[in-house]
Amino acid sequence: MDWISNLFDSLQLALYENVVQPVVFGLGFGNLLEDAFDATGWLLWGFIQVAVLLLGIRLLEKRWPVEPVADRAAVRTDVIYTLIHRLGLVRLVMFFTIEPAWDAIAGQLRLAGLPTWQLDAMWPGVTDIAWISLLLYLVVFDFVGYWLHRAQHQFNWWWALHSLHHSQRQMTMWSDNRNHLLDDVIIATAFALLARLIGVEPGQFVAITVITQLLESLQHANLRLSFGAVGERLLISPRFHRLHHSIGIGHETNGRGTLGGHNFGVLLPVWDMLFRTSSFANRFDATGVRDQLPDEGGRDYGRGFWRQQWLGLRRLVGR
C-alpha cells in the first residue's frame, strides 16, 4: 500500500507544481498555496473516480442494464454535474467560504482553552488501528447522511432543491451528482463541520468522501443488480436505491403529494430498517417525480444545466 500512497503523493505534487501553483500565483492568491495543494488532492481523486466510472461501472451498465438509454442528452447533462462535483469545484467554494470562517472560530475556541476532540479517541487503541478508526467515522457519517437525506424529503424548501436530483427519468451512474448547486453546498457544509466537530483527520475525510461517492455512483447506475437477501441488508444496492427514485414511491408517503418516501440510506440500509423507511421490493421501477407526468401537471424540471439550476431557485421561492 505504501507504493500506492507514494505514487499518489508524487502525482499530486507534480500536478500542483506544474499546473495549480502557477495558476494560483497568476490570480494573485499566493496566500492560499496550502489550500491550493489540498484542492489539488481533491482534483486528482476526482480524475481517479471518473476513471473508475468509465472503466468499471460503465461496463456493468452495458452488461446488465435496467433499461435502454433513450435520452442521451439528459445523461450528458448529468456528466457535467459529475465533473463539477468530482473534480472539486464545490470543494473549491468551501475553501473560500465556510472553511476559513470555521478555522477562525476553531482558533478562538483553542485560545479560550477548549481542547480539540476526536471521537475515535474515546476507545483506547482505536486511533492506533487506521481501518477501525476509518470505519467508525464512516458509520457516523452514514448515520448523519441518512437524516440529512430524510430532511431533504421532509421540508418543502429543501425538497424544492433536491427534487432536481429525482427528476432524472433516465438514471445512470452519472446521476448521483445531479443536484442543485445550493443543495450541494448545504450538504458539503454540514459534512465539513461534522468532520471538524468529531475530529476526523483530513486524510480520513478524503477517504470517507471517495468511498461514499463511488458507492453512490454504483447505486445510481442503470444496472439490474441486487445483492441478495442478506447482502441487500448489509450494503445499499442499485436495486434498493432505485426504489428510492421510483415515481410516487421514493419521494412520497401516505398517499399522493405528501413528502417522505423510502430507502434514504447512503451506504448502509440498517438506518432505514431501524427507522422503518426501508422497502426491499424486488423490482426495478421507472424513475422520476410524480408531478413530471403529463396527467399530474407535467412540471418542467429543465433540460440543460443552467435551466435546471434556475428552475430550482424558482421552486425554492414558490414559483
C-alpha atoms as a PDB file:
ATOM      1  CA  MET A   1       0.000   0.000   0.000  1.00  0.00           C
ATOM      2  CA  ASP A   2       2.944   2.324   0.619  1.00  0.00           C
ATOM      3  CA  TRP A   3       3.891   2.444  -3.055  1.00  0.00           C
ATOM      4  CA  ILE A   4       0.312   3.405  -3.982  1.00  0.00           C
ATOM      5  CA  SER A   5       0.353   6.210  -1.410  1.00  0.00           C
ATOM      6  CA  ASN A   6       3.765   7.377  -2.625  1.00  0.00           C
ATOM      7  CA  LEU A   7       2.601   7.332  -6.241  1.00  0.00           C
ATOM      8  CA  PHE A   8      -0.452   9.413  -5.393  1.00  0.00           C
ATOM      9  CA  ASP A   9       1.685  11.902  -3.442  1.00  0.00           C
ATOM     10  CA  SER A  10       4.097  12.209  -6.375  1.00  0.00           C
ATOM     11  CA  LEU A  11       1.253  12.796  -8.840  1.00  0.00           C
ATOM     12  CA  GLN A  12      -0.342  15.368  -6.553  1.00  0.00           C
ATOM     13  CA  LEU A  13       2.947  17.236  -6.170  1.00  0.00           C
ATOM     14  CA  ALA A  14       3.612  17.189  -9.920  1.00  0.00           C
ATOM     15  CA  LEU A  15       0.100  18.434 -10.737  1.00  0.00           C
ATOM     16  CA  TYR A  16       0.394  21.129  -8.099  1.00  0.00           C
ATOM     17  CA  GLU A  17       3.831  22.404  -9.125  1.00  0.00           C
ATOM     18  CA  ASN A  18       3.245  22.331 -12.872  1.00  0.00           C
ATOM     19  CA  VAL A  19      -0.395  23.393 -13.144  1.00  0.00           C
ATOM     20  CA  VAL A  20      -2.128  24.564  -9.982  1.00  0.00           C
ATOM     21  CA  GLN A  21       0.597  26.668  -8.343  1.00  0.00           C
ATOM     22  CA  PRO A  22       1.289  28.822 -11.430  1.00  0.00           C
ATOM     23  CA  VAL A  23      -2.450  29.460 -11.808  1.00  0.00           C
ATOM     24  CA  VAL A  24      -2.816  30.425  -8.135  1.00  0.00           C
ATOM     25  CA  PHE A  25       0.140  32.825  -8.370  1.00  0.00           C
ATOM     26  CA  GLY A  26      -1.196  34.234 -11.624  1.00  0.00           C
ATOM     27  CA  LEU A  27      -4.533  35.038  -9.976  1.00  0.00           C
ATOM     28  CA  GLY A  28      -2.809  36.747  -7.063  1.00  0.00           C
ATOM     29  CA  PHE A  29      -3.747  34.187  -4.411  1.00  0.00           C
ATOM     30  CA  GLY A  30      -0.251  33.388  -3.163  1.00  0.00           C
ATOM     31  CA  ASN A  31      -1.525  33.384   0.417  1.00  0.00           C
ATOM     32  CA  LEU A  32      -3.689  30.335  -0.344  1.00  0.00           C
ATOM     33  CA  LEU A  33      -0.999  27.939  -1.530  1.00  0.00           C
ATOM     34  CA  GLU A  34      -1.647  25.415   1.255  1.00  0.00           C
ATOM     35  CA  ASP A  35      -5.355  25.317   0.433  1.00  0.00           C
ATOM     36  CA  ALA A  36      -4.472  25.043  -3.250  1.00  0.00           C
ATOM     37  CA  PHE A  37      -2.295  21.994  -2.538  1.00  0.00           C
ATOM     38  CA  ASP A  38      -5.190  20.334  -0.690  1.00  0.00           C
ATOM     39  CA  ALA A  39      -7.512  21.210  -3.583  1.00  0.00           C
ATOM     40  CA  THR A  40      -5.053  19.520  -5.954  1.00  0.00           C
ATOM     41  CA  GLY A  41      -5.503  16.300  -3.996  1.00  0.00           C
ATOM     42  CA  TRP A  42      -9.282  16.520  -4.419  1.00  0.00           C
ATOM     43  CA  LEU A  43      -8.801  17.192  -8.133  1.00  0.00           C
ATOM     44  CA  LEU A  44      -6.590  14.129  -8.533  1.00  0.00           C
ATOM     45  CA  TRP A  45      -9.046  11.922  -6.651  1.00  0.00           C
ATOM     46  CA  GLY A  46     -11.742  13.254  -8.955  1.00  0.00           C
ATOM     47  CA  PHE A  47      -9.832  12.095 -12.025  1.00  0.00           C
ATOM     48  CA  ILE A  48      -9.385   8.667 -10.423  1.00  0.00           C
ATOM     49  CA  GLN A  49     -13.112   8.418  -9.684  1.00  0.00           C
ATOM     50  CA  VAL A  50     -14.067   9.339 -13.248  1.00  0.00           C
ATOM     51  CA  ALA A  51     -11.677   6.656 -14.488  1.00  0.00           C
ATOM     52  CA  VAL A  52     -13.357   4.068 -12.225  1.00  0.00           C
ATOM     53  CA  LEU A  53     -16.758   5.110 -13.579  1.00  0.00           C
ATOM     54  CA  LEU A  54     -15.676   4.763 -17.189  1.00  0.00           C
ATOM     55  CA  LEU A  55     -13.586   1.607 -16.849  1.00  0.00           C
ATOM     56  CA  GLY A  56     -15.652  -0.197 -14.218  1.00  0.00           C
ATOM     57  CA  ILE A  57     -19.258   0.762 -13.556  1.00  0.00           C
ATOM     58  CA  ARG A  58     -19.902   1.676 -17.202  1.00  0.00           C
ATOM     59  CA  LEU A  59     -19.028  -1.865 -18.262  1.00  0.00           C
ATOM     60  CA  LEU A  60     -21.529  -3.241 -15.740  1.00  0.00           C
ATOM     61  CA  GLU A  61     -24.222  -0.931 -17.123  1.00  0.00           C
ATOM     62  CA  LYS A  62     -23.615  -2.225 -20.623  1.00  0.00           C
ATOM     63  CA  ARG A  63     -23.728  -5.843 -19.484  1.00  0.00           C
ATOM     64  CA  TRP A  64     -26.825  -5.731 -17.238  1.00  0.00           C
ATOM     65  CA  PRO A  65     -28.867  -2.556 -17.952  1.00  0.00           C
ATOM     66  CA  VAL A  66     -32.277  -1.968 -16.389  1.00  0.00           C
ATOM     67  CA  GLU A  67     -33.468  -0.121 -19.497  1.00  0.00           C
ATOM     68  CA  PRO A  68     -32.058   1.156 -22.800  1.00  0.00           C
ATOM     69  CA  VAL A  69     -30.674   4.690 -22.707  1.00  0.00           C
ATOM     70  CA  ALA A  70     -33.201   6.666 -24.735  1.00  0.00           C
ATOM     71  CA  ASP A  71     -32.429  10.213 -23.549  1.00  0.00           C
ATOM     72  CA  ARG A  72     -28.698  10.662 -24.060  1.00  0.00           C
ATOM     73  CA  ALA A  73     -28.946  14.460 -23.817  1.00  0.00           C
ATOM     74  CA  ALA A  74     -30.190  14.154 -20.214  1.00  0.00           C
ATOM     75  CA  VAL A  75     -27.297  11.818 -19.427  1.00  0.00           C
ATOM     76  CA  ARG A  76     -24.789  14.267 -20.923  1.00  0.00           C
ATOM     77  CA  THR A  77     -26.102  16.944 -18.576  1.00  0.00           C
ATOM     78  CA  ASP A  78     -25.534  14.561 -15.673  1.00  0.00           C
ATOM     79  CA  VAL A  79     -21.947  14.127 -16.837  1.00  0.00           C
ATOM     80  CA  ILE A  80     -21.485  17.896 -16.408  1.00  0.00           C
ATOM     81  CA  TYR A  81     -22.785  17.654 -12.836  1.00  0.00           C
ATOM     82  CA  THR A  82     -20.403  14.789 -12.108  1.00  0.00           C
ATOM     83  CA  LEU A  83     -17.364  16.647 -13.435  1.00  0.00           C
ATOM     84  CA  ILE A  84     -18.286  19.785 -11.463  1.00  0.00           C
ATOM     85  CA  HIS A  85     -18.654  17.836  -8.256  1.00  0.00           C
ATOM     86  CA  ARG A  86     -15.976  15.165  -8.510  1.00  0.00           C
ATOM     87  CA  LEU A  87     -13.249  17.498  -9.796  1.00  0.00           C
ATOM     88  CA  GLY A  88     -13.603  19.632  -6.699  1.00  0.00           C
ATOM     89  CA  LEU A  89     -15.439  22.787  -7.771  1.00  0.00           C
ATOM     90  CA  VAL A  90     -17.903  22.530  -4.869  1.00  0.00           C
ATOM     91  CA  ARG A  91     -14.947  21.875  -2.589  1.00  0.00           C
ATOM     92  CA  LEU A  92     -13.290  24.991  -4.006  1.00  0.00           C
ATOM     93  CA  VAL A  93     -16.271  27.066  -2.884  1.00  0.00           C
ATOM     94  CA  MET A  94     -15.817  25.581   0.585  1.00  0.00           C
ATOM     95  CA  PHE A  95     -12.134  26.562   0.645  1.00  0.00           C
ATOM     96  CA  PHE A  96     -13.006  30.215   0.079  1.00  0.00           C
ATOM     97  CA  THR A  97     -16.116  30.474   2.290  1.00  0.00           C
ATOM     98  CA  ILE A  98     -17.018  28.019   5.042  1.00  0.00           C
ATOM     99  CA  GLU A  99     -13.608  26.597   5.937  1.00  0.00           C
ATOM    100  CA  PRO A 100     -11.846  29.954   6.575  1.00  0.00           C
ATOM    101  CA  ALA A 101     -14.738  31.001   8.827  1.00  0.00           C
ATOM    102  CA  TRP A 102     -14.615  27.709  10.706  1.00  0.00           C
ATOM    103  CA  ASP A 103     -10.810  27.954  11.070  1.00  0.00           C
ATOM    104  CA  ALA A 104     -11.250  31.360  12.690  1.00  0.00           C
ATOM    105  CA  ILE A 105     -13.900  30.032  15.097  1.00  0.00           C
ATOM    106  CA  ALA A 106     -11.820  26.957  15.970  1.00  0.00           C
ATOM    107  CA  GLY A 107      -8.798  29.181  16.614  1.00  0.00           C
ATOM    108  CA  GLN A 108     -10.755  31.326  19.036  1.00  0.00           C
ATOM    109  CA  LEU A 109     -12.024  28.227  20.848  1.00  0.00           C
ATOM    110  CA  ARG A 110      -8.468  26.935  21.278  1.00  0.00           C
ATOM    111  CA  LEU A 111      -7.363  30.317  22.611  1.00  0.00           C
ATOM    112  CA  ALA A 112     -10.201  30.115  25.107  1.00  0.00           C
ATOM    113  CA  GLY A 113      -8.767  26.821  26.369  1.00  0.00           C
ATOM    114  CA  LEU A 114     -11.263  24.430  24.815  1.00  0.00           C
ATOM    115  CA  PRO A 115      -9.451  21.264  23.696  1.00  0.00           C
ATOM    116  CA  THR A 116      -9.940  19.597  20.329  1.00  0.00           C
ATOM    117  CA  TRP A 117     -11.972  16.398  20.422  1.00  0.00           C
ATOM    118  CA  GLN A 118     -11.664  13.154  18.498  1.00  0.00           C
ATOM    119  CA  LEU A 119     -14.428  10.582  18.528  1.00  0.00           C
ATOM    120  CA  ASP A 120     -12.125   7.622  17.950  1.00  0.00           C
ATOM    121  CA  ALA A 121     -10.023   8.619  20.985  1.00  0.00           C
ATOM    122  CA  MET A 122     -12.929   7.668  23.258  1.00  0.00           C
ATOM    123  CA  TRP A 123     -11.968   3.998  22.846  1.00  0.00           C
ATOM    124  CA  PRO A 124      -8.370   3.121  23.839  1.00  0.00           C
ATOM    125  CA  GLY A 125      -6.342   1.748  20.961  1.00  0.00           C
ATOM    126  CA  VAL A 126      -8.753   2.665  18.164  1.00  0.00           C
ATOM    127  CA  THR A 127      -6.639   5.575  16.957  1.00  0.00           C
ATOM    128  CA  ASP A 128      -3.717   3.161  16.508  1.00  0.00           C
ATOM    129  CA  ILE A 129      -5.673   0.959  14.061  1.00  0.00           C
ATOM    130  CA  ALA A 130      -6.325   3.065  10.977  1.00  0.00           C
ATOM    131  CA  TRP A 131      -9.031   0.929   9.352  1.00  0.00           C
ATOM    132  CA  ILE A 132     -11.096   0.661  12.567  1.00  0.00           C
ATOM    133  CA  SER A 133     -10.906   4.422  13.069  1.00  0.00           C
ATOM    134  CA  LEU A 134     -11.951   4.992   9.443  1.00  0.00           C
ATOM    135  CA  LEU A 135     -14.838   2.520   9.765  1.00  0.00           C
ATOM    136  CA  LEU A 136     -16.070   4.256  12.928  1.00  0.00           C
ATOM    137  CA  TYR A 137     -16.150   7.651  11.248  1.00  0.00           C
ATOM    138  CA  LEU A 138     -17.702   6.173   8.109  1.00  0.00           C
ATOM    139  CA  VAL A 139     -20.619   4.788  10.162  1.00  0.00           C
ATOM    140  CA  VAL A 140     -21.111   8.140  11.909  1.00  0.00           C
ATOM    141  CA  PHE A 141     -21.130   9.992   8.583  1.00  0.00           C
ATOM    142  CA  ASP A 142     -23.583   7.463   7.173  1.00  0.00           C
ATOM    143  CA  PHE A 143     -25.947   7.909  10.123  1.00  0.00           C
ATOM    144  CA  VAL A 144     -25.905  11.693   9.745  1.00  0.00           C
ATOM    145  CA  GLY A 145     -26.254  11.334   5.963  1.00  0.00           C
ATOM    146  CA  TYR A 146     -29.414   9.278   6.440  1.00  0.00           C
ATOM    147  CA  TRP A 147     -31.064  12.027   8.496  1.00  0.00           C
ATOM    148  CA  LEU A 148     -29.906  14.803   6.189  1.00  0.00           C
ATOM    149  CA  HIS A 149     -31.379  12.865   3.258  1.00  0.00           C
ATOM    150  CA  ARG A 150     -34.670  12.425   5.104  1.00  0.00           C
ATOM    151  CA  ALA A 151     -34.699  16.169   5.771  1.00  0.00           C
ATOM    152  CA  GLN A 152     -34.276  16.832   2.054  1.00  0.00           C
ATOM    153  CA  HIS A 153     -37.519  14.914   1.545  1.00  0.00           C
ATOM    154  CA  GLN A 154     -39.340  16.339   4.566  1.00  0.00           C
ATOM    155  CA  PHE A 155     -39.087  20.127   4.253  1.00  0.00           C
ATOM    156  CA  ASN A 156     -40.763  21.796   1.287  1.00  0.00           C
ATOM    157  CA  TRP A 157     -37.987  24.346   0.748  1.00  0.00           C
ATOM    158  CA  TRP A 158     -35.309  21.647   0.710  1.00  0.00           C
ATOM    159  CA  TRP A 159     -37.350  19.335  -1.499  1.00  0.00           C
ATOM    160  CA  ALA A 160     -37.692  22.252  -3.961  1.00  0.00           C
ATOM    161  CA  LEU A 161     -33.929  21.906  -4.487  1.00  0.00           C
ATOM    162  CA  HIS A 162     -33.500  18.153  -4.004  1.00  0.00           C
ATOM    163  CA  SER A 163     -36.325  17.257  -6.387  1.00  0.00           C
ATOM    164  CA  LEU A 164     -33.951  18.094  -9.248  1.00  0.00           C
ATOM    165  CA  HIS A 165     -31.959  15.000  -8.273  1.00  0.00           C
ATOM    166  CA  HIS A 166     -35.122  12.885  -8.513  1.00  0.00           C
ATOM    167  CA  SER A 167     -36.319  14.374 -11.792  1.00  0.00           C
ATOM    168  CA  GLN A 168     -33.944  12.242 -13.881  1.00  0.00           C
ATOM    169  CA  ARG A 169     -36.097   9.782 -15.851  1.00  0.00           C
ATOM    170  CA  GLN A 170     -33.011   8.110 -17.346  1.00  0.00           C
ATOM    171  CA  MET A 171     -30.942   7.171 -14.315  1.00  0.00           C
ATOM    172  CA  THR A 172     -27.290   6.182 -14.840  1.00  0.00           C
ATOM    173  CA  MET A 173     -24.023   6.129 -12.919  1.00  0.00           C
ATOM    174  CA  TRP A 174     -23.710   9.865 -13.688  1.00  0.00           C
ATOM    175  CA  SER A 175     -26.958  10.726 -11.879  1.00  0.00           C
ATOM    176  CA  ASP A 176     -25.578  10.795  -8.327  1.00  0.00           C
ATOM    177  CA  ASN A 177     -24.309  14.384  -8.669  1.00  0.00           C
ATOM    178  CA  ARG A 178     -27.372  15.729 -10.484  1.00  0.00           C
ATOM    179  CA  ASN A 179     -28.119  18.210  -7.687  1.00  0.00           C
ATOM    180  CA  HIS A 180     -28.866  21.866  -7.341  1.00  0.00           C
ATOM    181  CA  LEU A 181     -25.598  23.631  -6.517  1.00  0.00           C
ATOM    182  CA  LEU A 182     -27.155  25.281  -3.452  1.00  0.00           C
ATOM    183  CA  ASP A 183     -28.202  21.830  -2.220  1.00  0.00           C
ATOM    184  CA  ASP A 184     -24.635  20.592  -2.777  1.00  0.00           C
ATOM    185  CA  VAL A 185     -23.162  23.463  -0.767  1.00  0.00           C
ATOM    186  CA  ILE A 186     -25.581  22.859   2.133  1.00  0.00           C
ATOM    187  CA  ILE A 187     -24.727  19.161   2.336  1.00  0.00           C
ATOM    188  CA  ALA A 188     -20.984  19.713   1.849  1.00  0.00           C
ATOM    189  CA  THR A 189     -21.005  22.341   4.601  1.00  0.00           C
ATOM    190  CA  ALA A 190     -22.832  20.024   7.002  1.00  0.00           C
ATOM    191  CA  PHE A 191     -20.307  17.218   6.490  1.00  0.00           C
ATOM    192  CA  ALA A 192     -17.294  19.538   6.650  1.00  0.00           C
ATOM    193  CA  LEU A 193     -18.492  20.884  10.010  1.00  0.00           C
ATOM    194  CA  LEU A 194     -19.247  17.367  11.241  1.00  0.00           C
ATOM    195  CA  ALA A 195     -15.694  16.312  10.346  1.00  0.00           C
ATOM    196  CA  ARG A 196     -14.307  19.196  12.376  1.00  0.00           C
ATOM    197  CA  LEU A 197     -16.597  18.585  15.359  1.00  0.00           C
ATOM    198  CA  ILE A 198     -15.753  14.884  15.771  1.00  0.00           C
ATOM    199  CA  GLY A 199     -12.065  15.164  14.899  1.00  0.00           C
ATOM    200  CA  VAL A 200     -11.818  13.492  11.511  1.00  0.00           C
ATOM    201  CA  GLU A 201      -8.308  13.764  10.118  1.00  0.00           C
ATOM    202  CA  PRO A 202      -8.009  15.305   6.616  1.00  0.00           C
ATOM    203  CA  GLY A 203      -6.857  12.003   5.108  1.00  0.00           C
ATOM    204  CA  GLN A 204      -9.769  10.159   6.700  1.00  0.00           C
ATOM    205  CA  PHE A 205     -12.207  12.773   5.413  1.00  0.00           C
ATOM    206  CA  VAL A 206     -10.897  12.317   1.865  1.00  0.00           C
ATOM    207  CA  ALA A 207     -11.189   8.520   2.172  1.00  0.00           C
ATOM    208  CA  ILE A 208     -14.754   8.726   3.539  1.00  0.00           C
ATOM    209  CA  THR A 209     -15.767  11.067   0.717  1.00  0.00           C
ATOM    210  CA  VAL A 210     -14.219   8.982  -2.067  1.00  0.00           C
ATOM    211  CA  ILE A 211     -15.628   5.667  -0.758  1.00  0.00           C
ATOM    212  CA  THR A 212     -19.085   7.201  -0.373  1.00  0.00           C
ATOM    213  CA  GLN A 213     -19.098   8.843  -3.790  1.00  0.00           C
ATOM    214  CA  LEU A 214     -18.004   5.741  -5.685  1.00  0.00           C
ATOM    215  CA  LEU A 215     -20.604   3.558  -3.971  1.00  0.00           C
ATOM    216  CA  GLU A 216     -23.281   6.173  -4.642  1.00  0.00           C
ATOM    217  CA  SER A 217     -22.346   6.169  -8.328  1.00  0.00           C
ATOM    218  CA  LEU A 218     -22.826   2.392  -8.338  1.00  0.00           C
ATOM    219  CA  GLN A 219     -26.205   2.771  -6.603  1.00  0.00           C
ATOM    220  CA  HIS A 220     -27.465   5.158  -9.289  1.00  0.00           C
ATOM    221  CA  ALA A 221     -26.201   3.042 -12.188  1.00  0.00           C
ATOM    222  CA  ASN A 222     -28.522   1.767 -14.885  1.00  0.00           C
ATOM    223  CA  LEU A 223     -27.758  -1.674 -13.542  1.00  0.00           C
ATOM    224  CA  ARG A 224     -30.046  -4.616 -12.853  1.00  0.00           C
ATOM    225  CA  LEU A 225     -28.202  -5.712  -9.738  1.00  0.00           C
ATOM    226  CA  SER A 226     -29.329  -6.937  -6.331  1.00  0.00           C
ATOM    227  CA  PHE A 227     -27.032  -8.115  -3.528  1.00  0.00           C
ATOM    228  CA  GLY A 228     -29.347 -10.933  -2.455  1.00  0.00           C
ATOM    229  CA  ALA A 229     -31.493 -11.383   0.633  1.00  0.00           C
ATOM    230  CA  VAL A 230     -28.574 -10.963   3.044  1.00  0.00           C
ATOM    231  CA  GLY A 231     -26.353  -8.567   1.092  1.00  0.00           C
ATOM    232  CA  GLU A 232     -29.253  -6.150   0.499  1.00  0.00           C
ATOM    233  CA  ARG A 233     -29.427  -5.653   4.263  1.00  0.00           C
ATOM    234  CA  LEU A 234     -25.692  -5.039   4.625  1.00  0.00           C
ATOM    235  CA  LEU A 235     -24.957  -2.596   1.798  1.00  0.00           C
ATOM    236  CA  ILE A 236     -27.236  -0.492  -0.376  1.00  0.00           C
ATOM    237  CA  SER A 237     -27.518  -1.927  -3.868  1.00  0.00           C
ATOM    238  CA  PRO A 238     -28.594  -0.368  -7.183  1.00  0.00           C
ATOM    239  CA  ARG A 239     -31.952  -2.147  -6.815  1.00  0.00           C
ATOM    240  CA  PHE A 240     -32.532  -0.824  -3.273  1.00  0.00           C
ATOM    241  CA  HIS A 241     -31.656   2.746  -4.230  1.00  0.00           C
ATOM    242  CA  ARG A 242     -33.628   2.684  -7.468  1.00  0.00           C
ATOM    243  CA  LEU A 243     -36.758   2.154  -5.360  1.00  0.00           C
ATOM    244  CA  HIS A 244     -35.888   5.451  -3.680  1.00  0.00           C
ATOM    245  CA  HIS A 245     -36.096   7.077  -7.121  1.00  0.00           C
ATOM    246  CA  SER A 246     -39.330   5.306  -8.122  1.00  0.00           C
ATOM    247  CA  ILE A 247     -42.111   7.635  -9.213  1.00  0.00           C
ATOM    248  CA  GLY A 248     -44.567   8.134  -6.359  1.00  0.00           C
ATOM    249  CA  ILE A 249     -42.774   5.706  -4.039  1.00  0.00           C
ATOM    250  CA  GLY A 250     -39.298   7.018  -3.360  1.00  0.00           C
ATOM    251  CA  HIS A 251     -40.372  10.556  -2.524  1.00  0.00           C
ATOM    252  CA  GLU A 252     -43.910  10.175  -1.187  1.00  0.00           C
ATOM    253  CA  THR A 253     -45.522   8.715   1.921  1.00  0.00           C
ATOM    254  CA  ASN A 254     -49.134   8.274   2.971  1.00  0.00           C
ATOM    255  CA  GLY A 255     -50.561   8.831  -0.473  1.00  0.00           C
ATOM    256  CA  ARG A 256     -50.032  11.367  -3.174  1.00  0.00           C
ATOM    257  CA  GLY A 257     -48.453  14.717  -2.515  1.00  0.00           C
ATOM    258  CA  THR A 258     -47.099  14.001   0.989  1.00  0.00           C
ATOM    259  CA  LEU A 259     -43.337  14.317   1.209  1.00  0.00           C
ATOM    260  CA  GLY A 260     -41.441  11.374   2.638  1.00  0.00           C
ATOM    261  CA  GLY A 261     -40.586   8.144   0.877  1.00  0.00           C
ATOM    262  CA  HIS A 262     -38.385   5.102   1.382  1.00  0.00           C
ATOM    263  CA  ASN A 263     -34.754   3.976   1.282  1.00  0.00           C
ATOM    264  CA  PHE A 264     -32.947   7.135   2.410  1.00  0.00           C
ATOM    265  CA  GLY A 265     -29.740   5.362   3.408  1.00  0.00           C
ATOM    266  CA  VAL A 266     -26.464   6.490   1.873  1.00  0.00           C
ATOM    267  CA  LEU A 267     -24.357   3.338   2.255  1.00  0.00           C
ATOM    268  CA  LEU A 268     -25.966   1.173   4.931  1.00  0.00           C
ATOM    269  CA  PRO A 269     -29.619   0.057   4.838  1.00  0.00           C
ATOM    270  CA  VAL A 270     -29.579  -0.524   8.607  1.00  0.00           C
ATOM    271  CA  TRP A 271     -30.857   3.021   9.297  1.00  0.00           C
ATOM    272  CA  ASP A 272     -33.856   2.513   7.008  1.00  0.00           C
ATOM    273  CA  MET A 273     -34.523  -0.784   8.739  1.00  0.00           C
ATOM    274  CA  LEU A 274     -34.249   0.723  12.229  1.00  0.00           C
ATOM    275  CA  PHE A 275     -36.456   3.723  11.471  1.00  0.00           C
ATOM    276  CA  ARG A 276     -38.953   1.826   9.289  1.00  0.00           C
ATOM    277  CA  THR A 277     -38.326   3.563   5.981  1.00  0.00           C
ATOM    278  CA  SER A 278     -36.965   0.542   4.105  1.00  0.00           C
ATOM    279  CA  SER A 279     -38.506  -1.172   1.109  1.00  0.00           C
ATOM    280  CA  PHE A 280     -36.940  -4.380  -0.194  1.00  0.00           C
ATOM    281  CA  ALA A 281     -39.438  -4.926  -3.017  1.00  0.00           C
ATOM    282  CA  ASN A 282     -37.706  -6.937  -5.719  1.00  0.00           C
ATOM    283  CA  ARG A 283     -38.409  -4.762  -8.756  1.00  0.00           C
ATOM    284  CA  PHE A 284     -36.850  -2.038 -10.933  1.00  0.00           C
ATOM    285  CA  ASP A 285     -39.347   0.803 -11.399  1.00  0.00           C
ATOM    286  CA  ALA A 286     -39.408   3.817 -13.682  1.00  0.00           C
ATOM    287  CA  THR A 287     -37.770   6.817 -12.012  1.00  0.00           C
ATOM    288  CA  GLY A 288     -38.759  10.452 -11.653  1.00  0.00           C
ATOM    289  CA  VAL A 289     -41.091  12.786  -9.734  1.00  0.00           C
ATOM    290  CA  ARG A 290     -44.858  12.363  -9.900  1.00  0.00           C
ATOM    291  CA  ASP A 291     -45.595  15.968 -10.924  1.00  0.00           C
ATOM    292  CA  GLN A 292     -43.458  15.457 -14.056  1.00  0.00           C
ATOM    293  CA  LEU A 293     -46.096  13.133 -15.510  1.00  0.00           C
ATOM    294  CA  PRO A 294     -48.469  14.716 -18.060  1.00  0.00           C
ATOM    295  CA  ASP A 295     -51.609  13.741 -16.119  1.00  0.00           C
ATOM    296  CA  GLU A 296     -50.095  15.118 -12.886  1.00  0.00           C
ATOM    297  CA  GLY A 297     -49.291  18.591 -14.182  1.00  0.00           C
ATOM    298  CA  GLY A 298     -46.260  17.944 -16.363  1.00  0.00           C
ATOM    299  CA  ARG A 299     -43.917  20.123 -14.318  1.00  0.00           C
ATOM    300  CA  ASP A 300     -40.782  21.239 -16.139  1.00  0.00           C
ATOM    301  CA  TYR A 301     -37.528  20.499 -14.321  1.00  0.00           C
ATOM    302  CA  GLY A 302     -35.393  21.696 -17.215  1.00  0.00           C
ATOM    303  CA  ARG A 303     -33.178  20.039 -19.780  1.00  0.00           C
ATOM    304  CA  GLY A 304     -29.814  21.774 -19.572  1.00  0.00           C
ATOM    305  CA  PHE A 305     -27.621  22.554 -16.563  1.00  0.00           C
ATOM    306  CA  TRP A 306     -28.388  26.269 -16.242  1.00  0.00           C
ATOM    307  CA  ARG A 307     -32.105  25.813 -16.897  1.00  0.00           C
ATOM    308  CA  GLN A 308     -32.279  23.188 -14.155  1.00  0.00           C
ATOM    309  CA  GLN A 309     -30.477  25.462 -11.709  1.00  0.00           C
ATOM    310  CA  TRP A 310     -32.787  28.391 -12.495  1.00  0.00           C
ATOM    311  CA  LEU A 311     -35.957  26.334 -12.141  1.00  0.00           C
ATOM    312  CA  GLY A 312     -34.678  25.027  -8.803  1.00  0.00           C
ATOM    313  CA  LEU A 313     -34.444  28.586  -7.490  1.00  0.00           C
ATOM    314  CA  ARG A 314     -37.935  29.303  -8.785  1.00  0.00           C
ATOM    315  CA  ARG A 315     -39.294  26.268  -6.932  1.00  0.00           C
ATOM    316  CA  LEU A 316     -37.469  27.456  -3.815  1.00  0.00           C
ATOM    317  CA  VAL A 317     -39.362  30.748  -3.812  1.00  0.00           C
ATOM    318  CA  GLY A 318     -42.650  29.006  -4.611  1.00  0.00           C
ATOM    319  CA  ARG A 319     -42.938  29.770  -8.320  1.00  0.00           C
END
